[in-house]
Protein backbone atom coordinates (compact mmCIF):
# COMPACT_ATOMS: atom_id res chain seq x y z
CA MET A 1 114.11 75.90 112.71
CA ALA A 2 110.67 74.72 111.60
CA ASP A 3 108.58 72.89 114.20
CA ALA A 4 107.64 69.47 112.80
CA ALA A 5 104.57 69.38 115.06
CA PHE A 6 102.85 71.84 112.71
CA ASP A 7 101.87 71.71 109.06
CA LEU A 8 102.84 75.38 108.71
CA ASN A 9 105.45 77.51 110.41
CA ALA A 10 105.42 81.28 110.20
CA VAL A 11 106.32 84.40 112.16
CA ILE A 12 104.40 87.54 113.03
CA SER A 13 105.76 89.94 110.41
CA ARG A 14 103.56 92.95 111.25
CA LEU A 15 101.09 94.04 113.93
CA TYR A 16 98.47 96.75 113.52
CA VAL A 17 96.11 98.39 115.99
CA TYR A 18 93.19 100.58 114.84
CA PRO A 19 92.32 102.65 117.92
CA VAL A 20 89.48 104.59 116.25
CA LYS A 21 87.22 102.47 114.07
CA SER A 22 87.69 103.27 110.37
CA CYS A 23 90.53 105.76 110.93
CA ALA A 24 94.16 104.97 110.05
CA GLY A 25 95.91 102.11 111.79
CA VAL A 26 99.03 102.16 113.92
CA GLN A 27 101.78 99.70 113.05
CA VAL A 28 103.39 98.50 116.28
CA GLN A 29 106.22 96.19 117.26
CA GLU A 30 104.28 94.63 120.12
CA ALA A 31 100.74 94.62 121.46
CA LEU A 32 98.95 93.16 124.46
CA LEU A 33 96.50 90.38 123.65
CA THR A 34 93.18 90.87 125.46
CA GLU A 35 89.91 88.96 125.38
CA THR A 36 88.59 91.40 122.75
CA GLY A 37 91.71 91.27 120.54
CA LEU A 38 94.69 93.62 120.62
CA GLU A 39 94.67 96.26 123.36
CA PHE A 40 93.03 99.54 122.23
CA ASP A 41 91.92 98.03 118.91
CA ARG A 42 88.60 99.67 117.91
CA ALA A 43 88.24 101.01 121.46
CA TRP A 44 86.92 104.33 120.05
CA MET A 45 84.37 104.99 117.33
CA VAL A 46 82.94 108.01 115.53
CA VAL A 47 79.14 108.32 115.57
CA ASP A 48 76.57 110.69 114.11
CA ASP A 49 74.05 112.73 116.06
CA LYS A 50 71.82 109.67 116.40
CA GLY A 51 74.61 107.48 117.79
CA HIS A 52 75.04 105.44 114.61
CA PHE A 53 78.60 104.52 113.67
CA LEU A 54 80.41 106.31 110.84
CA THR A 55 83.03 104.72 108.60
CA GLN A 56 85.11 105.31 105.49
CA ARG A 57 82.28 103.74 103.49
CA GLU A 58 80.42 107.06 103.59
CA LEU A 59 83.28 109.32 104.78
CA PRO A 60 86.54 108.36 103.03
CA ARG A 61 88.32 111.30 104.74
CA MET A 62 88.38 109.21 107.91
CA ALA A 63 91.36 107.40 106.34
CA LEU A 64 93.41 110.59 106.79
CA ILE A 65 92.90 110.69 110.58
CA LYS A 66 96.08 109.23 112.05
CA PRO A 67 96.19 108.12 115.69
CA GLN A 68 99.33 107.83 117.79
CA LEU A 69 99.19 105.84 121.01
CA ARG A 70 101.37 107.16 123.83
CA TYR A 71 101.70 106.16 127.48
CA HIS A 72 98.97 108.44 128.83
CA ASP A 73 97.07 109.55 125.76
CA MET A 74 96.16 109.07 122.13
CA VAL A 75 97.03 111.90 119.73
CA LEU A 76 94.91 112.30 116.60
CA ARG A 77 96.22 114.24 113.62
CA ALA A 78 94.59 115.14 110.33
CA PRO A 79 95.40 117.53 107.48
CA GLY A 80 94.67 121.13 108.35
CA MET A 81 93.79 120.32 111.97
CA LEU A 82 95.53 120.93 115.27
CA ALA A 83 96.38 117.71 117.10
CA LEU A 84 93.63 116.32 119.33
CA HIS A 85 94.75 114.69 122.58
CA ILE A 86 92.54 111.99 124.10
CA ALA A 87 93.43 110.79 127.60
CA LEU A 88 93.48 106.99 127.88
CA ASP A 89 92.06 107.01 131.41
CA GLN A 90 89.23 109.55 131.06
CA VAL A 91 85.73 109.46 129.59
CA GLU A 92 82.67 111.67 129.94
CA GLU A 93 78.96 110.83 129.66
CA PRO A 94 77.64 107.26 129.27
CA VAL A 95 75.73 106.80 126.00
CA ARG A 96 74.18 104.04 123.90
CA VAL A 97 75.49 103.74 120.35
CA LYS A 98 74.87 101.46 117.40
CA VAL A 99 77.43 99.49 115.40
CA TRP A 100 75.81 97.40 112.68
CA LYS A 101 72.88 95.65 114.39
CA ASP A 102 74.33 95.89 117.89
CA GLU A 103 73.39 98.57 120.38
CA VAL A 104 76.18 98.86 122.93
CA GLN A 105 77.18 100.85 125.98
CA ALA A 106 79.86 103.48 125.46
CA TYR A 107 81.15 106.79 126.81
CA ASP A 108 81.02 110.09 124.99
CA MET A 109 84.46 111.73 124.80
CA GLY A 110 83.17 115.27 125.15
CA PRO A 111 82.55 118.46 123.15
CA ILE A 112 86.15 119.21 122.14
CA ALA A 113 86.53 115.83 120.42
CA ALA A 114 83.07 116.20 118.88
CA GLN A 115 83.95 119.60 117.41
CA TRP A 116 87.27 118.31 116.05
CA PHE A 117 85.66 115.39 114.22
CA SER A 118 82.73 117.49 113.02
CA ASP A 119 85.07 120.15 111.63
CA PHE A 120 87.26 117.68 109.78
CA LEU A 121 84.48 115.45 108.46
CA GLY A 122 82.12 118.28 107.54
CA ARG A 123 79.15 116.84 109.41
CA THR A 124 77.96 116.43 112.98
CA ALA A 125 80.06 113.73 114.64
CA ARG A 126 81.06 112.62 118.11
CA LEU A 127 83.80 110.36 119.45
CA VAL A 128 82.82 107.57 121.83
CA ARG A 129 84.74 104.93 123.74
CA PHE A 130 83.60 101.34 124.24
CA ASP A 131 82.44 100.55 127.76
CA PRO A 132 84.69 97.66 128.93
CA GLU A 133 81.91 96.41 131.18
CA HIS A 134 79.78 95.73 128.11
CA LYS A 135 80.20 92.34 126.45
CA ARG A 136 79.82 92.44 122.67
CA ILE A 137 79.80 88.82 121.57
CA CYS A 138 81.07 87.60 118.19
CA ASN A 139 78.57 85.67 116.06
CA THR A 140 78.38 82.25 117.73
CA GLU A 141 77.30 80.61 114.47
CA TRP A 142 80.87 81.17 113.25
CA THR A 143 82.70 80.69 116.56
CA GLY A 144 81.23 77.24 117.09
CA GLY A 145 79.24 78.40 120.09
CA LEU A 146 82.25 79.95 121.84
CA GLU A 147 81.54 83.29 123.56
CA ALA A 148 84.31 85.38 122.03
CA LEU A 149 84.33 89.15 122.51
CA ASN A 150 85.17 92.25 120.50
CA GLN A 151 84.76 96.01 120.91
CA PHE A 152 83.81 98.21 117.93
CA SER A 153 85.23 95.95 115.19
CA ASP A 154 82.89 94.79 112.45
CA GLY A 155 82.31 91.62 114.43
CA TYR A 156 85.37 89.61 115.46
CA SER A 157 88.35 89.97 117.77
CA LEU A 158 91.17 89.93 115.20
CA LEU A 159 91.87 89.90 111.47
CA VAL A 160 94.73 87.70 110.24
CA LEU A 161 96.36 87.99 106.82
CA SER A 162 99.58 86.71 105.28
CA GLU A 163 102.34 88.39 103.32
CA ALA A 164 101.91 85.64 100.73
CA SER A 165 98.28 86.59 100.11
CA LEU A 166 99.18 90.24 99.53
CA ALA A 167 102.14 89.28 97.31
CA GLN A 168 99.91 87.15 95.09
CA PHE A 169 97.32 89.94 94.92
CA ASN A 170 99.96 92.47 93.85
CA GLU A 171 101.28 90.05 91.23
CA LYS A 172 97.80 89.92 89.75
CA LEU A 173 97.55 93.72 89.83
CA ALA A 174 100.93 94.03 88.10
CA ALA A 175 99.83 91.60 85.38
CA ALA A 176 96.81 93.86 84.80
CA GLY A 177 99.04 96.95 84.64
CA VAL A 178 97.89 98.30 88.00
CA ALA A 179 100.20 99.61 90.74
CA ALA A 180 100.75 97.49 93.84
CA VAL A 181 98.87 98.30 97.04
CA GLY A 182 100.05 98.14 100.65
CA MET A 183 98.91 95.89 103.45
CA GLU A 184 97.15 98.93 104.98
CA ARG A 185 94.35 98.59 102.41
CA PHE A 186 93.15 95.38 104.06
CA ARG A 187 93.40 96.52 107.70
CA PRO A 188 94.71 93.31 109.35
CA ASN A 189 95.74 93.05 113.00
CA ILE A 190 98.24 90.21 112.60
CA VAL A 191 100.27 89.59 109.45
CA LEU A 192 102.02 86.26 109.00
CA GLY A 193 105.35 86.00 107.20
CA ASP A 194 107.68 83.15 106.34
CA ALA A 195 109.73 81.49 109.07
CA ALA A 196 113.46 81.03 108.49
CA GLY A 197 114.26 77.57 107.20
CA ASP A 198 110.66 76.86 106.26
CA PRO A 199 109.32 76.42 102.69
CA GLY A 200 107.09 79.43 103.26
CA LEU A 201 103.41 80.15 103.30
CA ALA A 202 101.20 79.72 100.27
CA PRO A 203 98.73 82.48 99.47
CA HIS A 204 95.69 82.28 101.76
CA ASP A 205 97.11 79.56 103.99
CA GLU A 206 95.41 81.58 106.75
CA ASP A 207 92.10 80.37 105.28
CA ARG A 208 93.05 76.73 105.69
CA VAL A 209 94.36 76.39 109.24
CA ASP A 210 92.53 75.32 112.37
CA LEU A 211 94.46 77.08 115.14
CA LEU A 212 97.33 79.54 115.30
CA GLN A 213 99.78 78.85 118.14
CA ILE A 214 101.97 81.87 118.91
CA ALA A 215 105.08 81.45 121.04
CA THR A 216 105.07 84.37 123.49
CA GLN A 217 107.38 84.93 126.45
CA GLN A 218 104.47 84.18 128.78
CA GLY A 219 103.68 80.88 127.04
CA PRO A 220 101.64 79.89 123.99
CA ALA A 221 98.79 82.08 122.79
CA GLN A 222 96.12 80.39 120.73
CA LEU A 223 93.94 82.05 118.10
CA LYS A 224 91.21 80.38 116.08
CA PRO A 225 90.38 81.60 112.57
CA VAL A 226 86.59 81.35 112.38
CA LYS A 227 85.22 83.30 109.40
CA PRO A 228 86.56 84.52 106.06
CA CYS A 229 86.49 88.32 105.98
CA PRO A 230 84.07 89.69 103.37
CA ARG A 231 85.48 92.87 101.89
CA CYS A 232 83.46 96.07 101.59
CA PRO A 233 84.55 99.02 99.38
CA ILE A 234 87.07 100.31 101.97
CA PRO A 235 90.10 98.51 100.37
CA ASN A 236 89.41 100.64 97.26
CA ILE A 237 90.27 103.76 99.28
CA ASP A 238 93.89 104.92 99.09
CA PRO A 239 94.84 105.50 102.75
CA THR A 240 97.27 108.27 101.82
CA THR A 241 94.83 110.38 99.77
CA ALA A 242 91.33 109.13 100.79
CA THR A 243 90.46 108.82 97.09
CA SER A 244 88.60 105.73 95.94
CA SER A 245 89.10 103.80 92.73
CA PRO A 246 87.77 100.33 91.86
CA GLU A 247 90.94 98.38 91.03
CA VAL A 248 91.21 96.46 94.30
CA GLY A 249 87.60 95.34 94.36
CA ASP A 250 87.68 94.54 90.65
CA MET A 251 90.69 92.27 91.12
CA LEU A 252 89.16 90.50 94.11
CA GLN A 253 86.12 89.86 91.95
CA THR A 254 88.25 87.80 89.56
CA TYR A 255 89.36 85.18 92.07
CA ARG A 256 88.10 85.69 95.63
CA GLN A 257 84.37 84.96 95.40
CA ASP A 258 83.94 82.75 98.44
CA PRO A 259 81.20 80.10 98.66
CA ARG A 260 81.66 79.94 102.44
CA VAL A 261 79.99 83.37 102.69
CA ASN A 262 77.53 83.14 99.81
CA GLY A 263 79.95 84.33 97.15
CA ALA A 264 81.15 87.48 98.96
CA LEU A 265 84.69 88.65 98.13
CA THR A 266 86.97 87.61 101.00
CA PHE A 267 90.55 88.43 101.91
CA GLY A 268 91.93 87.46 105.32
CA MET A 269 90.41 85.53 108.21
CA ASN A 270 88.54 86.79 111.24
CA ALA A 271 89.87 85.10 114.38
CA ILE A 272 89.04 84.83 118.07
CA VAL A 273 91.24 84.42 121.16
CA LEU A 274 91.23 80.98 122.77
CA ALA A 275 94.27 81.31 125.05
CA GLY A 276 96.98 83.83 125.90
CA ILE A 277 95.00 86.73 127.36
CA ASP A 278 97.44 89.34 128.74
CA HIS A 279 100.30 87.86 126.72
CA GLN A 280 102.45 90.23 124.71
CA LEU A 281 102.46 89.61 120.96
CA LYS A 282 105.60 90.78 119.18
CA VAL A 283 106.86 91.03 115.63
CA GLY A 284 109.16 88.06 115.00
CA GLN A 285 107.38 85.60 117.28
CA ALA A 286 106.99 82.07 115.91
CA VAL A 287 103.54 80.95 114.78
CA GLY A 288 102.65 77.32 114.18
CA ALA A 289 99.48 75.98 112.62
CA SER A 290 97.98 72.80 111.25
CA TYR A 291 95.51 72.43 108.41
CA ARG A 292 91.84 72.25 109.25
CA PHE A 293 89.98 69.15 108.11
CA GLU A 294 86.22 69.36 107.83
């Protein structure tokens, strides 16, 4: 039953966590909401020998590295490699690393992990883990002055996207004679789907709402979409093959130039956590939202 208190009613249709920045995501049925976003999201990052972050932008093969989160450890698998086990409760040496313009505190995960990543990526690389004592603050110009936190993400706690936005995008690809792409291309954390008995979401409704109220068992969680997500070339990379082709970016160019971010191509909304820390988000939970008026 739709909640008349909201302009829009939806459900969480999918949840994704990306434990290692720029490697494959993990689709989960539930995830703990923390002050930095979903638990373990971008908690680890691959860096070069100078401590600068590495991504699929320069190393598309990172898309083929698939993490699995277990109770005590994370298992990383990649073609032609033995599985790498990373304990969730152990780190090694403290280091300083750089992600975009931010220099942050982290922990090196040791020589075995470094050799594994270096072997697979074909260049010197190390795995680091974000230091939870370090506070990496989202851009306050977009958060309205609120001190929201994230770990190794590109800059915000969460990325929200809707099934309706992807469906419209794939309709446009089909009309151009191009095969559909999966949600994985756009790397969201929370995907919104239609609620039963509701008219359904319009494409990019996530761009137009002020707050997202999620009904969790522990009470309401509240997320605030704050900035449209400018898209880099990563959505052009097929996550199953790590090959890049321009169809996704070319299609975005035809209708997603966004004046809110100086004409950048956007798809999805970056969001921050206002309430609900330590609440469990689950697929199927009701989400209510009202339109933002500026």
